[in-house]
Amino acid sequence: MTRFALYENEIAAKFNKRLVTAARVIDESPLDKAIQELVKIRASQINGCGMCLDMHTKDAVHAGETPVRLALIAAWQESNVFTEAERAALALTEEGTRLADNSRGIGEDTWAQVRKSFDDDQIGALISLIATINAWNRLNVIAGMAGGDYVPGQW
């Protein structure tokens, strides 16, 4: 199923290593870890990245996320299990991931909710996280990396 071995190619492996290093800034930020996983899962759902969905749903469960909330991420707008801040992050994730699908970019209502829910450091981390998970999704989907084998704590 894998089209290209990202971790066995010298150039791709170097790039991936730098992307992991860049992501540490987000991991060490004040952005809530549960929100980070919700964002990673939602972007990965939109992008159809099985490898990232496998990793981030398992990491979320390992961190204590509930099955109900995980099952409802794809339908977060029609769910009542997410906080206002989580909903703002999920809205920004959807709009930031689907930039080519609409002509308006990020909606003013979404941005107002993000501003209401997060401080500047958290927003900086959130924007960076959305960009990073979209990069990972694209790398993995293009290379044909499959989900199913990830073990939490493996990477």
N, C-alpha and C. Protein backbone atom coordinates (compact mmCIF):
# COMPACT_ATOMS: atom_id res chain seq x y z
N MET A 1 0.82 -1.20 0.00
CA MET A 1 0.00 0.00 0.00
C MET A 1 0.87 1.26 0.00
N THR A 2 1.99 1.24 0.70
CA THR A 2 2.87 2.41 0.72
C THR A 2 3.45 2.65 -0.66
N ARG A 3 3.31 3.87 -1.16
CA ARG A 3 3.85 4.23 -2.46
C ARG A 3 5.31 4.61 -2.37
N PHE A 4 5.67 5.26 -1.25
CA PHE A 4 7.01 5.81 -1.10
C PHE A 4 7.40 5.73 0.37
N ALA A 5 8.58 5.23 0.65
CA ALA A 5 9.06 5.06 2.03
C ALA A 5 9.64 6.37 2.54
N LEU A 6 8.79 7.18 3.13
CA LEU A 6 9.20 8.51 3.61
C LEU A 6 10.36 8.46 4.59
N TYR A 7 10.41 7.44 5.41
CA TYR A 7 11.41 7.40 6.47
C TYR A 7 12.68 6.69 6.05
N GLU A 8 12.69 6.16 4.84
CA GLU A 8 13.88 5.49 4.33
C GLU A 8 14.61 6.34 3.30
N ASN A 9 13.96 7.38 2.80
CA ASN A 9 14.59 8.29 1.85
C ASN A 9 15.30 9.40 2.61
N GLU A 10 16.55 9.68 2.27
CA GLU A 10 17.36 10.64 3.03
C GLU A 10 16.73 12.03 3.06
N ILE A 11 16.27 12.53 1.93
CA ILE A 11 15.70 13.87 1.88
C ILE A 11 14.39 13.94 2.65
N ALA A 12 13.51 13.00 2.41
CA ALA A 12 12.22 12.99 3.11
C ALA A 12 12.42 12.80 4.61
N ALA A 13 13.35 11.94 5.00
CA ALA A 13 13.61 11.70 6.42
C ALA A 13 14.14 12.96 7.10
N LYS A 14 15.00 13.70 6.43
CA LYS A 14 15.52 14.96 6.99
C LYS A 14 14.38 15.97 7.16
N PHE A 15 13.52 16.06 6.16
CA PHE A 15 12.39 16.98 6.24
C PHE A 15 11.47 16.59 7.40
N ASN A 16 11.14 15.32 7.49
CA ASN A 16 10.26 14.83 8.56
C ASN A 16 10.85 15.12 9.93
N LYS A 17 12.16 14.94 10.07
CA LYS A 17 12.83 15.21 11.34
C LYS A 17 12.67 16.68 11.73
N ARG A 18 12.80 17.55 10.76
CA ARG A 18 12.64 18.99 11.03
C ARG A 18 11.19 19.35 11.36
N LEU A 19 10.25 18.66 10.72
CA LEU A 19 8.85 18.89 11.02
C LEU A 19 8.52 18.44 12.44
N VAL A 20 9.09 17.33 12.87
CA VAL A 20 8.91 16.86 14.25
C VAL A 20 9.48 17.89 15.22
N THR A 21 10.66 18.42 14.91
CA THR A 21 11.29 19.43 15.77
C THR A 21 10.42 20.68 15.85
N ALA A 22 9.88 21.11 14.71
CA ALA A 22 9.01 22.29 14.70
C ALA A 22 7.76 22.05 15.54
N ALA A 23 7.23 20.84 15.49
CA ALA A 23 6.01 20.52 16.24
C ALA A 23 6.22 20.55 17.75
N ARG A 24 7.45 20.41 18.19
CA ARG A 24 7.73 20.47 19.64
C ARG A 24 7.35 21.83 20.22
N VAL A 25 7.48 22.87 19.42
CA VAL A 25 7.09 24.21 19.88
C VAL A 25 5.61 24.20 20.26
N ILE A 26 4.79 23.54 19.48
CA ILE A 26 3.36 23.45 19.75
C ILE A 26 3.13 22.57 20.98
N ASP A 27 3.82 21.44 21.05
CA ASP A 27 3.67 20.53 22.19
C ASP A 27 3.99 21.23 23.51
N GLU A 28 4.95 22.15 23.47
CA GLU A 28 5.39 22.85 24.69
C GLU A 28 4.61 24.14 24.92
N SER A 29 3.64 24.42 24.09
CA SER A 29 2.86 25.66 24.19
C SER A 29 1.75 25.51 25.25
N PRO A 30 1.10 26.63 25.59
CA PRO A 30 -0.02 26.57 26.54
C PRO A 30 -1.34 26.08 25.93
N LEU A 31 -1.33 25.67 24.66
CA LEU A 31 -2.56 25.17 24.04
C LEU A 31 -2.90 23.81 24.64
N ASP A 32 -4.11 23.68 25.14
CA ASP A 32 -4.58 22.47 25.79
C ASP A 32 -4.31 21.23 24.94
N LYS A 33 -3.79 20.18 25.57
CA LYS A 33 -3.43 18.94 24.86
C LYS A 33 -4.66 18.26 24.24
N ALA A 34 -5.79 18.28 24.93
CA ALA A 34 -7.00 17.68 24.37
C ALA A 34 -7.42 18.41 23.10
N ILE A 35 -7.33 19.72 23.11
CA ILE A 35 -7.66 20.50 21.91
C ILE A 35 -6.69 20.17 20.80
N GLN A 36 -5.43 20.00 21.14
CA GLN A 36 -4.44 19.64 20.11
C GLN A 36 -4.83 18.34 19.42
N GLU A 37 -5.24 17.34 20.17
CA GLU A 37 -5.62 16.06 19.56
C GLU A 37 -6.90 16.20 18.74
N LEU A 38 -7.87 16.97 19.23
CA LEU A 38 -9.11 17.18 18.47
C LEU A 38 -8.80 17.81 17.11
N VAL A 39 -7.92 18.80 17.11
CA VAL A 39 -7.53 19.48 15.88
C VAL A 39 -6.85 18.50 14.92
N LYS A 40 -5.93 17.71 15.45
CA LYS A 40 -5.21 16.75 14.60
C LYS A 40 -6.16 15.72 14.00
N ILE A 41 -7.10 15.27 14.80
CA ILE A 41 -8.06 14.28 14.32
C ILE A 41 -8.98 14.89 13.26
N ARG A 42 -9.51 16.09 13.52
CA ARG A 42 -10.45 16.68 12.56
C ARG A 42 -9.78 16.98 11.23
N ALA A 43 -8.60 17.56 11.24
CA ALA A 43 -7.90 17.83 9.98
C ALA A 43 -7.61 16.52 9.25
N SER A 44 -7.22 15.50 9.99
CA SER A 44 -6.91 14.20 9.38
C SER A 44 -8.15 13.54 8.80
N GLN A 45 -9.31 13.73 9.43
CA GLN A 45 -10.57 13.23 8.87
C GLN A 45 -10.84 13.91 7.53
N ILE A 46 -10.73 15.23 7.52
CA ILE A 46 -11.01 15.99 6.30
C ILE A 46 -10.07 15.57 5.17
N ASN A 47 -8.80 15.37 5.50
CA ASN A 47 -7.79 15.04 4.51
C ASN A 47 -7.69 13.55 4.19
N GLY A 48 -8.42 12.71 4.92
CA GLY A 48 -8.40 11.28 4.66
C GLY A 48 -7.07 10.62 4.96
N CYS A 49 -6.41 11.07 6.02
CA CYS A 49 -5.10 10.52 6.38
C CYS A 49 -5.26 9.41 7.42
N GLY A 50 -5.25 8.16 6.94
CA GLY A 50 -5.41 7.01 7.83
C GLY A 50 -4.31 6.90 8.86
N MET A 51 -3.08 7.19 8.46
CA MET A 51 -1.97 7.08 9.40
C MET A 51 -2.13 8.07 10.56
N CYS A 52 -2.46 9.31 10.24
CA CYS A 52 -2.63 10.32 11.29
C CYS A 52 -3.86 10.06 12.14
N LEU A 53 -4.95 9.58 11.53
CA LEU A 53 -6.14 9.24 12.31
C LEU A 53 -5.83 8.11 13.28
N ASP A 54 -5.12 7.11 12.81
CA ASP A 54 -4.71 5.99 13.67
C ASP A 54 -3.91 6.51 14.86
N MET A 55 -2.90 7.31 14.57
CA MET A 55 -2.02 7.83 15.61
C MET A 55 -2.77 8.71 16.61
N HIS A 56 -3.49 9.68 16.11
CA HIS A 56 -4.06 10.69 17.01
C HIS A 56 -5.31 10.22 17.75
N THR A 57 -6.08 9.30 17.18
CA THR A 57 -7.19 8.74 17.96
C THR A 57 -6.65 7.85 19.07
N LYS A 58 -5.63 7.07 18.77
CA LYS A 58 -5.03 6.22 19.81
C LYS A 58 -4.35 7.07 20.89
N ASP A 59 -3.65 8.12 20.49
CA ASP A 59 -3.03 9.01 21.48
C ASP A 59 -4.09 9.68 22.34
N ALA A 60 -5.21 10.08 21.73
CA ALA A 60 -6.29 10.72 22.49
C ALA A 60 -6.88 9.75 23.50
N VAL A 61 -7.12 8.51 23.10
CA VAL A 61 -7.64 7.50 24.03
C VAL A 61 -6.64 7.27 25.16
N HIS A 62 -5.38 7.17 24.79
CA HIS A 62 -4.31 6.96 25.78
C HIS A 62 -4.27 8.10 26.81
N ALA A 63 -4.61 9.32 26.34
CA ALA A 63 -4.63 10.49 27.22
C ALA A 63 -5.95 10.65 27.97
N GLY A 64 -6.91 9.74 27.74
CA GLY A 64 -8.15 9.78 28.50
C GLY A 64 -9.37 10.30 27.75
N GLU A 65 -9.25 10.55 26.46
CA GLU A 65 -10.40 11.02 25.69
C GLU A 65 -11.47 9.94 25.66
N THR A 66 -12.74 10.36 25.63
CA THR A 66 -13.84 9.40 25.67
C THR A 66 -14.22 8.93 24.27
N PRO A 67 -14.72 7.70 24.16
CA PRO A 67 -15.17 7.19 22.86
C PRO A 67 -16.28 8.04 22.24
N VAL A 68 -17.18 8.56 23.05
CA VAL A 68 -18.29 9.37 22.53
C VAL A 68 -17.75 10.63 21.86
N ARG A 69 -16.85 11.32 22.53
CA ARG A 69 -16.29 12.55 21.94
C ARG A 69 -15.50 12.24 20.67
N LEU A 70 -14.74 11.16 20.69
CA LEU A 70 -13.99 10.78 19.49
C LEU A 70 -14.93 10.48 18.33
N ALA A 71 -16.01 9.78 18.62
CA ALA A 71 -16.97 9.43 17.57
C ALA A 71 -17.68 10.65 17.01
N LEU A 72 -17.80 11.70 17.80
CA LEU A 72 -18.55 12.88 17.38
C LEU A 72 -17.70 14.00 16.78
N ILE A 73 -16.39 13.82 16.70
CA ILE A 73 -15.55 14.88 16.14
C ILE A 73 -15.99 15.25 14.73
N ALA A 74 -16.27 14.26 13.91
CA ALA A 74 -16.67 14.55 12.53
C ALA A 74 -17.99 15.31 12.45
N ALA A 75 -18.81 15.20 13.50
CA ALA A 75 -20.11 15.89 13.53
C ALA A 75 -20.14 16.88 14.70
N TRP A 76 -19.01 17.54 14.95
CA TRP A 76 -18.91 18.42 16.11
C TRP A 76 -19.95 19.54 16.10
N GLN A 77 -20.33 20.01 14.92
CA GLN A 77 -21.30 21.10 14.85
C GLN A 77 -22.70 20.67 15.30
N GLU A 78 -22.97 19.37 15.21
CA GLU A 78 -24.26 18.82 15.61
C GLU A 78 -24.15 18.04 16.92
N SER A 79 -23.17 18.39 17.73
CA SER A 79 -22.92 17.69 19.00
C SER A 79 -22.88 18.68 20.15
N ASN A 80 -23.18 18.16 21.34
CA ASN A 80 -23.14 19.04 22.52
C ASN A 80 -22.06 18.61 23.52
N VAL A 81 -21.07 17.86 23.06
CA VAL A 81 -20.05 17.33 23.98
C VAL A 81 -18.75 18.13 23.96
N PHE A 82 -18.70 19.20 23.16
CA PHE A 82 -17.48 19.98 23.05
C PHE A 82 -17.66 21.36 23.68
N THR A 83 -16.61 21.84 24.32
CA THR A 83 -16.65 23.16 24.96
C THR A 83 -16.64 24.26 23.89
N GLU A 84 -16.89 25.46 24.32
CA GLU A 84 -16.86 26.60 23.42
C GLU A 84 -15.47 26.75 22.79
N ALA A 85 -14.43 26.59 23.58
CA ALA A 85 -13.06 26.69 23.06
C ALA A 85 -12.77 25.57 22.06
N GLU A 86 -13.21 24.36 22.37
CA GLU A 86 -13.00 23.24 21.46
C GLU A 86 -13.73 23.48 20.14
N ARG A 87 -14.93 24.02 20.22
CA ARG A 87 -15.72 24.30 19.02
C ARG A 87 -15.04 25.38 18.18
N ALA A 88 -14.48 26.38 18.83
CA ALA A 88 -13.75 27.43 18.10
C ALA A 88 -12.53 26.84 17.40
N ALA A 89 -11.81 25.97 18.09
CA ALA A 89 -10.62 25.33 17.50
C ALA A 89 -11.01 24.43 16.33
N LEU A 90 -12.10 23.69 16.49
CA LEU A 90 -12.55 22.81 15.41
C LEU A 90 -13.03 23.62 14.20
N ALA A 91 -13.70 24.73 14.43
CA ALA A 91 -14.14 25.59 13.32
C ALA A 91 -12.93 26.15 12.57
N LEU A 92 -11.94 26.64 13.31
CA LEU A 92 -10.74 27.17 12.68
C LEU A 92 -10.00 26.07 11.92
N THR A 93 -9.98 24.88 12.49
CA THR A 93 -9.34 23.74 11.82
C THR A 93 -10.03 23.44 10.48
N GLU A 94 -11.34 23.38 10.49
CA GLU A 94 -12.07 23.10 9.26
C GLU A 94 -11.82 24.18 8.21
N GLU A 95 -11.94 25.43 8.61
CA GLU A 95 -11.76 26.51 7.64
C GLU A 95 -10.31 26.60 7.17
N GLY A 96 -9.37 26.38 8.08
CA GLY A 96 -7.95 26.43 7.71
C GLY A 96 -7.52 25.25 6.87
N THR A 97 -8.19 24.13 7.02
CA THR A 97 -7.87 22.93 6.24
C THR A 97 -8.54 23.00 4.87
N ARG A 98 -9.69 23.62 4.79
CA ARG A 98 -10.45 23.69 3.53
C ARG A 98 -10.28 25.04 2.82
N LEU A 99 -9.13 25.64 2.91
CA LEU A 99 -8.91 26.96 2.31
C LEU A 99 -9.30 27.02 0.84
N ALA A 100 -9.00 25.99 0.10
CA ALA A 100 -9.30 25.99 -1.34
C ALA A 100 -10.78 25.78 -1.63
N ASP A 101 -11.52 25.36 -0.63
CA ASP A 101 -12.93 25.05 -0.84
C ASP A 101 -13.86 26.25 -0.69
N ASN A 102 -13.33 27.36 -0.21
CA ASN A 102 -14.18 28.54 -0.07
C ASN A 102 -13.37 29.78 -0.43
N SER A 103 -14.04 30.81 -0.76
CA SER A 103 -13.36 32.03 -1.21
C SER A 103 -13.10 33.02 -0.07
N ARG A 104 -13.61 32.70 1.10
CA ARG A 104 -13.51 33.69 2.18
C ARG A 104 -12.39 33.40 3.17
N GLY A 105 -11.73 32.27 3.05
CA GLY A 105 -10.68 31.94 4.00
C GLY A 105 -11.29 31.66 5.37
N ILE A 106 -10.82 32.37 6.36
CA ILE A 106 -11.33 32.19 7.73
C ILE A 106 -12.44 33.21 7.95
N GLY A 107 -13.61 32.72 8.36
CA GLY A 107 -14.76 33.60 8.58
C GLY A 107 -14.58 34.48 9.81
N GLU A 108 -15.16 35.64 9.76
CA GLU A 108 -15.07 36.58 10.89
C GLU A 108 -15.71 36.03 12.16
N ASP A 109 -16.80 35.28 12.02
CA ASP A 109 -17.44 34.67 13.19
C ASP A 109 -16.52 33.65 13.84
N THR A 110 -15.87 32.85 13.00
CA THR A 110 -14.92 31.86 13.53
C THR A 110 -13.78 32.57 14.23
N TRP A 111 -13.23 33.59 13.60
CA TRP A 111 -12.10 34.30 14.20
C TRP A 111 -12.51 34.96 15.52
N ALA A 112 -13.70 35.50 15.58
CA ALA A 112 -14.18 36.11 16.83
C ALA A 112 -14.27 35.06 17.94
N GLN A 113 -14.73 33.86 17.63
CA GLN A 113 -14.80 32.79 18.63
C GLN A 113 -13.40 32.35 19.07
N VAL A 114 -12.47 32.29 18.14
CA VAL A 114 -11.08 31.95 18.47
C VAL A 114 -10.51 33.01 19.40
N ARG A 115 -10.71 34.26 19.07
CA ARG A 115 -10.21 35.37 19.90
C ARG A 115 -10.83 35.35 21.30
N LYS A 116 -12.08 34.98 21.38
CA LYS A 116 -12.79 34.92 22.66
C LYS A 116 -12.25 33.78 23.53
N SER A 117 -11.84 32.70 22.90
CA SER A 117 -11.49 31.48 23.63
C SER A 117 -10.01 31.32 23.94
N PHE A 118 -9.14 32.01 23.20
CA PHE A 118 -7.70 31.76 23.33
C PHE A 118 -6.92 33.06 23.42
N ASP A 119 -5.78 33.01 24.13
CA ASP A 119 -4.88 34.16 24.15
C ASP A 119 -3.93 34.08 22.95
N ASP A 120 -3.08 35.09 22.79
CA ASP A 120 -2.22 35.15 21.60
C ASP A 120 -1.28 33.95 21.48
N ASP A 121 -0.71 33.50 22.59
CA ASP A 121 0.20 32.35 22.53
C ASP A 121 -0.55 31.08 22.11
N GLN A 122 -1.75 30.91 22.63
CA GLN A 122 -2.55 29.75 22.25
C GLN A 122 -2.97 29.84 20.78
N ILE A 123 -3.31 31.04 20.32
CA ILE A 123 -3.69 31.21 18.91
C ILE A 123 -2.49 30.93 18.01
N GLY A 124 -1.33 31.42 18.39
CA GLY A 124 -0.13 31.13 17.61
C GLY A 124 0.12 29.64 17.51
N ALA A 125 -0.07 28.93 18.62
CA ALA A 125 0.10 27.47 18.63
C ALA A 125 -0.98 26.80 17.79
N LEU A 126 -2.21 27.28 17.89
CA LEU A 126 -3.32 26.69 17.15
C LEU A 126 -3.12 26.84 15.64
N ILE A 127 -2.76 28.02 15.19
CA ILE A 127 -2.49 28.24 13.77
C ILE A 127 -1.35 27.35 13.30
N SER A 128 -0.29 27.29 14.09
CA SER A 128 0.87 26.46 13.74
C SER A 128 0.50 24.99 13.70
N LEU A 129 -0.33 24.56 14.64
CA LEU A 129 -0.78 23.17 14.69
C LEU A 129 -1.59 22.81 13.44
N ILE A 130 -2.51 23.67 13.06
CA ILE A 130 -3.33 23.41 11.87
C ILE A 130 -2.43 23.29 10.64
N ALA A 131 -1.46 24.18 10.51
CA ALA A 131 -0.54 24.10 9.37
C ALA A 131 0.29 22.82 9.42
N THR A 132 0.76 22.46 10.59
CA THR A 132 1.61 21.28 10.74
C THR A 132 0.86 19.99 10.46
N ILE A 133 -0.33 19.82 11.03
CA ILE A 133 -1.06 18.57 10.81
C ILE A 133 -1.47 18.46 9.34
N ASN A 134 -1.78 19.57 8.70
CA ASN A 134 -2.07 19.51 7.27
C ASN A 134 -0.84 19.09 6.46
N ALA A 135 0.33 19.53 6.87
CA ALA A 135 1.57 19.09 6.20
C ALA A 135 1.77 17.58 6.39
N TRP A 136 1.59 17.11 7.63
CA TRP A 136 1.74 15.66 7.89
C TRP A 136 0.71 14.86 7.09
N ASN A 137 -0.52 15.33 7.05
CA ASN A 137 -1.56 14.64 6.29
C ASN A 137 -1.16 14.52 4.82
N ARG A 138 -0.68 15.59 4.26
CA ARG A 138 -0.32 15.57 2.85
C ARG A 138 0.87 14.65 2.59
N LEU A 139 1.86 14.71 3.44
CA LEU A 139 3.01 13.80 3.28
C LEU A 139 2.55 12.34 3.30
N ASN A 140 1.75 12.00 4.29
CA ASN A 140 1.33 10.60 4.45
C ASN A 140 0.37 10.13 3.37
N VAL A 141 -0.58 10.98 2.97
CA VAL A 141 -1.53 10.58 1.93
C VAL A 141 -0.81 10.43 0.59
N ILE A 142 0.03 11.38 0.24
CA ILE A 142 0.75 11.31 -1.03
C ILE A 142 1.64 10.07 -1.08
N ALA A 143 2.32 9.77 0.03
CA ALA A 143 3.23 8.62 0.08
C ALA A 143 2.48 7.30 0.25
N GLY A 144 1.18 7.36 0.57
CA GLY A 144 0.39 6.14 0.73
C GLY A 144 0.64 5.43 2.05
N MET A 145 0.90 6.19 3.09
CA MET A 145 1.14 5.61 4.41
C MET A 145 -0.20 5.19 5.02
N ALA A 146 -0.31 3.94 5.39
CA ALA A 146 -1.57 3.39 5.92
C ALA A 146 -1.63 3.49 7.44
N GLY A 147 -2.84 3.57 7.95
CA GLY A 147 -3.05 3.53 9.39
C GLY A 147 -3.31 2.11 9.87
N GLY A 148 -3.18 1.93 11.17
CA GLY A 148 -3.51 0.65 11.77
C GLY A 148 -2.44 0.06 12.65
N ASP A 149 -1.20 0.44 12.46
CA ASP A 149 -0.10 -0.19 13.20
C ASP A 149 0.47 0.66 14.32
N TYR A 150 -0.02 1.87 14.49
CA TYR A 150 0.57 2.78 15.48
C TYR A 150 0.31 2.30 16.91
N VAL A 151 1.34 2.43 17.73
CA VAL A 151 1.24 2.10 19.15
C VAL A 151 1.54 3.40 19.91
N PRO A 152 0.62 3.86 20.80
CA PRO A 152 0.85 5.10 21.54
C PRO A 152 2.21 5.09 22.25
N GLY A 153 2.90 6.23 22.14
CA GLY A 153 4.21 6.36 22.75
C GLY A 153 5.33 5.87 21.85
N GLN A 154 4.98 5.35 20.70
CA GLN A 154 5.96 4.81 19.76
C GLN A 154 6.86 5.91 19.21
N TRP A 155 6.28 7.09 18.91
CA TRP A 155 7.07 8.19 18.35
C TRP A 155 7.11 9.33 19.29
